[in-house]
Amino acid sequence: MKIGFDARWYFNGPVSGKLVVRNLFDRMITNSLHTIVPIFHVKDKNNVYKKFGNINCIFTKIRNPLLSNVFEIPFLKKSNELHIIIFQNFSPFFGSFKKINYIHDIIFEDRPEFFTKKEKLYFSPMKYLSRKADLVITISKNEKDRIIRKGYSKNVDYVYHGIDKSMKNIAKSVKNLPNEYILAVGRINIRKNISTLIKSMSLIKNKNMKLVIVGEDSWKKENINVDEKLKSRIVFLKNISNEELGYIYSNAKVFCFVSLDEGFGLPIVEAMSFGIPVICSNISVMPEVSGNAGILVDPYSENEIAEKIDLLLKDKLFYEQQQKLSIKKASEYSWKKSTEKIIKLCEQL
């Protein structure tokens, strides 16, 4: 079987999208049962040949993924020699091949207040195009249920994310990192609920404990106002490599992820893989991903967040128990499993 895979985010794409595409494609091309044909943009031709050699692939010319998927790829001769093509977010409504639409999330449907008008307009054709796909793949059961509920498709399955192994090549140090700290990782936008987490830091009993926030600014950036008394305890870090992120995870005392909505919540799994106790929201996908290893809290309550942080910091036995649960839960997630399931879904289709 010949499987086309939209890999245009491999070199240039959103941070989370690039991570997913790289980890899936690097494993898919080692599959010996089927031929994997990646789709790249022509501007990345030199990068493609430098990375993969003289690989059999498809190059597109249209930069906009939506327009390219709908109006370019179905007309390319090499596309129509494939049995299946896996698209990112937008599948075409015709073509001689089977169409799989890989939707990372449709949070904008339930929580439009977290997105700009431009983002919502760009994503709006996704529902119609998904109905034309033979299968929709998403990243969690919670997201699958949302996609079905919102009428995108009835034929939906989900494939969990894994953990990027490059984080285990831990950097030797990271500048401006305090000795003891609570950690939060994620883009700085209003959905991540960083302000509530910062407020909880003023309530914890250990006034020497600091909060490290790792993340880049996002379109719907959260305006974070830090109280003067707390400023010395809050550290923002940006432009962090995977190796540096591994170092930051490995030295954190507690990980907090109090997002208001997620498709998957990969930082939860990343933190658990380093044996860190995790405090996360009791809503959306967070209980599904964290399982029995997550300490669930009301993300709108800084008091409850502070209480759980205090409990972990003062109760050594409970802390060690949560460390073991984190490691056990993280072992359930791997990009190898993710890739194998996608290949299996292609075979079934």
Protein backbone atom coordinates (compact mmCIF):
# COMPACT_ATOMS: atom_id res chain seq x y z
CA MET A 1 0.00 0.00 0.00
CA LYS A 2 1.16 3.54 -0.81
CA ILE A 3 0.39 6.04 1.94
CA GLY A 4 0.80 9.78 1.43
CA PHE A 5 1.58 11.83 4.52
CA ASP A 6 1.33 15.61 4.75
CA ALA A 7 4.73 16.46 6.27
CA ARG A 8 4.85 20.16 5.42
CA TRP A 9 5.09 21.08 9.12
CA TYR A 10 8.27 19.02 9.40
CA PHE A 11 10.53 22.03 8.73
CA ASN A 12 8.16 24.96 9.17
CA GLY A 13 5.01 24.88 11.22
CA PRO A 14 3.42 25.57 14.59
CA VAL A 15 5.53 24.27 17.48
CA SER A 16 3.09 21.52 18.48
CA GLY A 17 2.31 20.60 14.86
CA LYS A 18 6.00 20.32 13.98
CA LEU A 19 6.62 18.07 16.97
CA VAL A 20 3.77 15.71 15.99
CA VAL A 21 4.68 15.55 12.29
CA ARG A 22 8.37 14.94 12.95
CA ASN A 23 7.81 12.17 15.45
CA LEU A 24 5.20 10.41 13.33
CA PHE A 25 6.96 10.70 9.98
CA ASP A 26 10.41 9.68 11.26
CA ARG A 27 8.83 6.42 12.43
CA MET A 28 6.46 5.92 9.50
CA ILE A 29 9.27 5.85 6.93
CA THR A 30 10.87 2.91 8.72
CA ASN A 31 7.72 0.85 8.09
CA SER A 32 8.65 -2.12 5.91
CA LEU A 33 5.13 -3.21 4.94
CA HIS A 34 3.99 -0.06 3.11
CA THR A 35 5.46 2.73 1.02
CA ILE A 36 5.25 6.11 2.74
CA VAL A 37 5.29 9.11 0.40
CA PRO A 38 5.65 12.45 2.22
CA ILE A 39 4.23 15.73 0.97
CA PHE A 40 6.49 18.78 1.36
CA HIS A 41 6.40 22.34 0.08
CA VAL A 42 8.79 23.07 -2.78
CA LYS A 43 10.58 25.77 -0.75
CA ASP A 44 11.81 23.00 1.57
CA LYS A 45 13.29 20.90 -1.25
CA ASN A 46 16.89 21.48 -0.17
CA ASN A 47 16.07 20.67 3.46
CA VAL A 48 14.26 17.50 2.38
CA TYR A 49 17.17 16.14 0.34
CA LYS A 50 19.68 17.18 3.00
CA LYS A 51 17.70 15.35 5.69
CA PHE A 52 16.38 12.32 3.80
CA GLY A 53 18.49 12.02 0.65
CA ASN A 54 16.85 11.22 -2.68
CA ILE A 55 13.50 10.36 -1.11
CA ASN A 56 10.36 9.68 -3.13
CA CYS A 57 8.01 12.55 -2.24
CA ILE A 58 5.49 15.07 -3.52
CA PHE A 59 6.26 18.80 -3.61
CA THR A 60 3.47 21.38 -3.53
CA LYS A 61 3.71 24.96 -4.76
CA ILE A 62 0.77 26.63 -3.03
CA ARG A 63 1.87 27.87 0.42
CA ASN A 64 -1.56 27.96 2.07
CA PRO A 65 -2.30 24.40 3.34
CA LEU A 66 -6.07 24.77 2.98
CA LEU A 67 -5.87 25.92 -0.65
CA SER A 68 -3.16 23.39 -1.49
CA ASN A 69 -5.06 20.44 0.01
CA VAL A 70 -8.30 21.32 -1.78
CA PHE A 71 -7.17 22.75 -5.11
CA GLU A 72 -3.66 21.39 -5.76
CA ILE A 73 -2.93 17.96 -4.30
CA PRO A 74 -5.95 16.15 -5.86
CA PHE A 75 -4.73 17.22 -9.34
CA LEU A 76 -1.14 16.03 -8.95
CA LYS A 77 -0.41 12.82 -10.86
CA LYS A 78 1.72 11.36 -8.06
CA SER A 79 -1.07 11.99 -5.54
CA ASN A 80 -3.49 9.88 -7.52
CA GLU A 81 -1.03 6.98 -7.58
CA LEU A 82 -1.42 6.72 -3.79
CA HIS A 83 -4.00 4.57 -2.00
CA ILE A 84 -4.41 6.90 1.00
CA ILE A 85 -3.31 10.42 1.90
CA ILE A 86 -3.21 11.71 5.51
CA PHE A 87 -3.86 15.46 5.56
CA GLN A 88 -3.37 17.96 8.39
CA ASN A 89 -6.69 19.65 9.35
CA PHE A 90 -8.06 20.07 5.81
CA SER A 91 -8.85 17.17 3.50
CA PRO A 92 -10.02 17.71 -0.11
CA PHE A 93 -13.53 16.84 -1.22
CA PHE A 94 -12.39 14.78 -4.22
CA GLY A 95 -9.49 12.63 -5.43
CA SER A 96 -9.02 8.98 -6.43
CA PHE A 97 -7.30 8.18 -3.12
CA LYS A 98 -8.79 7.52 0.33
CA LYS A 99 -8.69 10.64 2.50
CA ILE A 100 -7.76 10.79 6.19
CA ASN A 101 -8.09 14.12 7.95
CA TYR A 102 -5.80 14.44 10.97
CA ILE A 103 -7.47 17.05 13.18
CA HIS A 104 -5.40 18.08 16.18
CA ASP A 105 -8.30 19.78 17.94
CA ILE A 106 -11.41 21.90 17.41
CA ILE A 107 -11.31 23.75 20.72
CA PHE A 108 -12.39 26.90 18.88
CA GLU A 109 -15.86 25.34 18.48
CA ASP A 110 -16.50 25.15 22.24
CA ARG A 111 -14.29 28.00 23.43
CA PRO A 112 -14.25 30.68 20.68
CA GLU A 113 -13.18 33.30 23.22
CA PHE A 114 -9.69 31.77 23.21
CA PHE A 115 -9.15 32.44 19.50
CA THR A 116 -8.81 35.43 17.22
CA LYS A 117 -11.27 36.17 14.42
CA LYS A 118 -8.54 35.32 11.92
CA GLU A 119 -7.99 31.88 13.47
CA LYS A 120 -11.71 31.09 13.59
CA LEU A 121 -12.18 32.16 9.97
CA TYR A 122 -9.24 30.04 8.84
CA PHE A 123 -10.53 26.91 10.62
CA SER A 124 -14.17 27.33 9.54
CA PRO A 125 -13.96 25.12 6.36
CA MET A 126 -12.65 22.22 8.46
CA LYS A 127 -16.12 20.93 9.32
CA TYR A 128 -17.36 20.70 5.73
CA LEU A 129 -14.13 19.15 4.44
CA SER A 130 -14.00 16.61 7.28
CA ARG A 131 -17.41 15.29 6.22
CA LYS A 132 -15.85 14.43 2.86
CA ALA A 133 -12.97 12.47 4.42
CA ASP A 134 -13.09 8.67 4.69
CA LEU A 135 -11.73 8.85 8.23
CA VAL A 136 -10.92 11.54 10.78
CA ILE A 137 -8.05 10.94 13.21
CA THR A 138 -7.64 13.10 16.30
CA ILE A 139 -5.49 13.06 19.44
CA SER A 140 -7.70 11.95 22.34
CA LYS A 141 -11.06 10.37 23.16
CA ASN A 142 -12.22 13.72 24.51
CA GLU A 143 -11.44 15.36 21.17
CA LYS A 144 -13.05 12.48 19.25
CA ASP A 145 -16.27 13.02 21.22
CA ARG A 146 -16.14 16.76 20.48
CA ILE A 147 -15.62 16.18 16.74
CA ILE A 148 -18.60 13.81 16.58
CA ARG A 149 -20.76 16.10 18.74
CA LYS A 150 -20.02 19.09 16.51
CA GLY A 151 -20.97 17.15 13.36
CA TYR A 152 -17.58 16.97 11.66
CA SER A 153 -17.74 13.23 11.03
CA LYS A 154 -19.15 10.00 12.41
CA ASN A 155 -16.09 8.00 11.39
CA VAL A 156 -13.52 9.21 13.93
CA ASP A 157 -10.69 7.50 15.83
CA TYR A 158 -7.98 8.86 18.09
CA VAL A 159 -4.24 8.37 18.40
CA TYR A 160 -2.44 9.57 21.52
CA HIS A 161 0.80 11.54 21.36
CA GLY A 162 4.13 10.21 22.59
CA ILE A 163 7.22 11.71 24.20
CA ASP A 164 10.00 13.29 22.16
CA LYS A 165 13.17 11.33 22.94
CA SER A 166 15.39 14.36 22.25
CA MET A 167 14.33 15.75 25.63
CA LYS A 168 16.15 12.86 27.26
CA ASN A 169 19.42 14.21 25.83
CA ILE A 170 19.38 16.60 28.75
CA ALA A 171 21.34 19.85 28.52
CA LYS A 172 24.03 20.44 31.15
CA SER A 173 22.47 23.65 32.41
CA VAL A 174 19.90 26.38 31.72
CA LYS A 175 20.47 30.05 32.47
CA ASN A 176 18.32 31.87 35.05
CA LEU A 177 16.87 28.66 36.46
CA PRO A 178 16.27 28.75 40.25
CA ASN A 179 17.28 25.90 42.56
CA GLU A 180 13.74 24.91 43.60
CA TYR A 181 10.68 25.63 41.51
CA ILE A 182 7.17 24.72 40.44
CA LEU A 183 7.02 24.31 36.64
CA ALA A 184 4.45 25.22 33.98
CA VAL A 185 4.97 24.60 30.25
CA GLY A 186 2.81 25.87 27.39
CA ARG A 187 2.12 28.76 25.08
CA ILE A 188 1.36 32.05 26.81
CA ASN A 189 -2.28 32.46 25.88
CA ILE A 190 -5.46 32.93 27.86
CA ARG A 191 -6.45 29.27 27.54
CA LYS A 192 -3.42 28.16 29.54
CA ASN A 193 -4.74 30.03 32.59
CA ILE A 194 -1.28 31.14 33.78
CA SER A 195 -2.67 34.07 35.78
CA THR A 196 -4.58 31.76 38.15
CA LEU A 197 -1.48 29.64 38.68
CA ILE A 198 0.57 32.75 39.50
CA LYS A 199 -2.06 33.85 42.05
CA SER A 200 -1.84 30.44 43.72
CA MET A 201 1.88 31.01 44.32
CA SER A 202 1.03 33.82 46.76
CA LEU A 203 -1.00 31.32 48.81
CA ILE A 204 1.47 28.45 49.20
CA LYS A 205 3.26 28.17 52.52
CA ASN A 206 6.80 27.92 51.13
CA LYS A 207 7.54 31.55 50.23
CA ASN A 208 10.96 30.65 48.84
CA MET A 209 9.51 28.37 46.16
CA LYS A 210 9.55 29.92 42.69
CA LEU A 211 7.42 29.37 39.59
CA VAL A 212 9.12 28.78 36.23
CA ILE A 213 6.93 29.32 33.15
CA VAL A 214 8.29 27.98 29.85
CA GLY A 215 6.45 29.07 26.73
CA GLU A 216 6.25 31.31 23.71
CA ASP A 217 3.75 34.12 23.15
CA SER A 218 0.62 33.13 21.27
CA TRP A 219 -1.94 35.00 19.15
CA LYS A 220 -4.45 35.29 21.97
CA LYS A 221 -1.76 36.22 24.47
CA GLU A 222 -2.71 36.38 28.13
CA ASN A 223 -2.07 39.73 29.79
CA ILE A 224 -0.32 38.60 32.94
CA ASN A 225 -0.10 41.11 35.77
CA VAL A 226 2.21 39.89 38.49
CA ASP A 227 1.86 41.38 41.96
CA GLU A 228 4.98 43.30 43.04
CA LYS A 229 5.46 40.96 46.01
CA LEU A 230 5.55 37.95 43.66
CA LYS A 231 7.75 39.28 40.85
CA SER A 232 10.97 37.91 42.32
CA ARG A 233 9.42 34.42 42.48
CA ILE A 234 8.16 34.21 38.86
CA VAL A 235 10.59 33.28 36.06
CA PHE A 236 9.61 33.33 32.37
CA LEU A 237 11.77 31.35 29.93
CA LYS A 238 11.46 31.46 26.12
CA ASN A 239 13.29 30.03 23.11
CA ILE A 240 14.08 26.82 24.97
CA SER A 241 15.46 23.81 23.09
CA ASN A 242 14.19 20.27 23.71
CA GLU A 243 17.44 19.42 25.48
CA GLU A 244 17.07 22.47 27.74
CA LEU A 245 13.42 21.61 28.37
CA GLY A 246 14.53 18.15 29.46
CA TYR A 247 16.88 19.73 32.01
CA ILE A 248 14.10 22.02 33.26
CA TYR A 249 11.67 19.10 33.65
CA SER A 250 14.24 16.91 35.39
CA ASN A 251 14.93 19.54 38.08
CA ALA A 252 11.34 20.65 38.76
CA LYS A 253 9.72 19.92 42.10
CA VAL A 254 6.09 19.91 40.93
CA PHE A 255 4.48 20.34 37.52
CA CYS A 256 1.26 22.35 37.17
CA PHE A 257 -0.98 22.30 34.10
CA VAL A 258 -4.19 24.20 34.84
CA SER A 259 -5.32 24.84 31.27
CA LEU A 260 -9.01 25.53 30.61
CA ASP A 261 -9.20 23.30 27.52
CA GLU A 262 -6.84 21.07 25.53
CA GLY A 263 -6.85 18.58 22.70
CA PHE A 264 -4.29 16.38 24.47
CA GLY A 265 -2.03 18.27 26.88
CA LEU A 266 1.36 16.85 25.95
CA PRO A 267 3.32 18.65 28.73
CA ILE A 268 1.46 16.47 31.26
CA VAL A 269 2.96 13.33 29.74
CA GLU A 270 6.37 14.94 29.28
CA ALA A 271 6.51 15.94 32.94
CA MET A 272 5.38 12.49 34.09
CA SER A 273 8.13 10.85 32.03
CA PHE A 274 10.64 12.65 34.26
CA GLY A 275 8.93 11.34 37.41
CA ILE A 276 7.45 14.68 38.45
CA PRO A 277 4.17 14.80 40.41
CA VAL A 278 1.58 16.52 38.23
CA ILE A 279 -1.25 18.84 39.25
CA CYS A 280 -3.72 19.40 36.42
CA SER A 281 -7.22 20.64 35.64
CA ASN A 282 -10.21 18.44 36.39
CA ILE A 283 -11.89 19.38 33.09
CA SER A 284 -11.52 18.74 29.34
CA VAL A 285 -8.96 16.07 28.37
CA MET A 286 -6.69 16.41 31.40
CA PRO A 287 -8.28 13.60 33.52
CA GLU A 288 -8.14 11.29 30.49
CA VAL A 289 -4.44 11.89 29.80
CA SER A 290 -3.22 11.99 33.41
CA GLY A 291 -5.31 9.02 34.57
CA ASN A 292 -4.77 7.96 38.18
CA ALA A 293 -1.40 9.76 38.23
CA GLY A 294 -2.78 13.29 37.98
CA ILE A 295 -3.78 15.35 41.00
CA LEU A 296 -6.93 17.04 39.71
CA VAL A 297 -7.93 20.57 40.70
CA ASP A 298 -10.51 23.18 39.77
CA PRO A 299 -8.50 25.38 37.36
CA TYR A 300 -10.49 28.45 38.42
CA SER A 301 -9.53 28.05 42.09
CA GLU A 302 -6.10 29.36 43.10
CA ASN A 303 -6.86 28.16 46.65
CA GLU A 304 -7.28 24.54 45.56
CA ILE A 305 -4.15 24.68 43.39
CA ALA A 306 -2.14 26.06 46.33
CA GLU A 307 -3.51 23.38 48.67
CA LYS A 308 -2.35 20.57 46.37
CA ILE A 309 1.09 22.14 45.93
CA ASP A 310 1.42 22.43 49.72
CA LEU A 311 0.34 18.80 50.16
CA LEU A 312 3.03 17.57 47.78
CA LEU A 313 5.74 19.73 49.34
CA LYS A 314 5.03 18.69 52.93
CA ASP A 315 4.06 15.00 52.57
CA LYS A 316 7.16 13.06 51.46
CA LEU A 317 5.36 9.70 51.24
CA PHE A 318 2.58 11.14 49.10
CA TYR A 319 5.16 12.91 46.92
CA GLU A 320 7.09 9.68 46.29
CA GLN A 321 3.86 7.83 45.53
CA GLN A 322 2.96 10.41 42.90
CA GLN A 323 6.42 10.15 41.37
CA LYS A 324 5.94 6.41 40.84
CA LEU A 325 2.46 6.91 39.41
CA SER A 326 3.80 9.53 36.99
CA ILE A 327 6.51 7.24 35.62
CA LYS A 328 4.07 4.34 35.25
CA LYS A 329 1.47 6.45 33.45
CA ALA A 330 4.01 8.06 31.11
CA SER A 331 5.16 4.59 29.99
CA GLU A 332 1.76 4.11 28.32
CA TYR A 333 2.52 6.83 25.74
CA SER A 334 4.99 6.49 22.88
CA TRP A 335 5.31 7.71 19.30
CA LYS A 336 5.98 4.11 18.29
CA LYS A 337 2.49 3.14 19.51
CA SER A 338 1.04 6.22 17.80
CA THR A 339 2.62 5.34 14.46
CA GLU A 340 1.58 1.70 14.66
CA LYS A 341 -2.04 2.69 15.27
CA ILE A 342 -2.08 5.12 12.33
CA ILE A 343 -0.69 2.41 10.03
CA LYS A 344 -3.31 -0.02 11.35
CA LEU A 345 -6.11 2.49 10.68
CA CYS A 346 -4.82 2.93 7.12
CA GLU A 347 -4.86 -0.84 6.63
CA GLN A 348 -8.42 -1.08 7.96
CA LEU A 349 -9.55 1.75 5.69
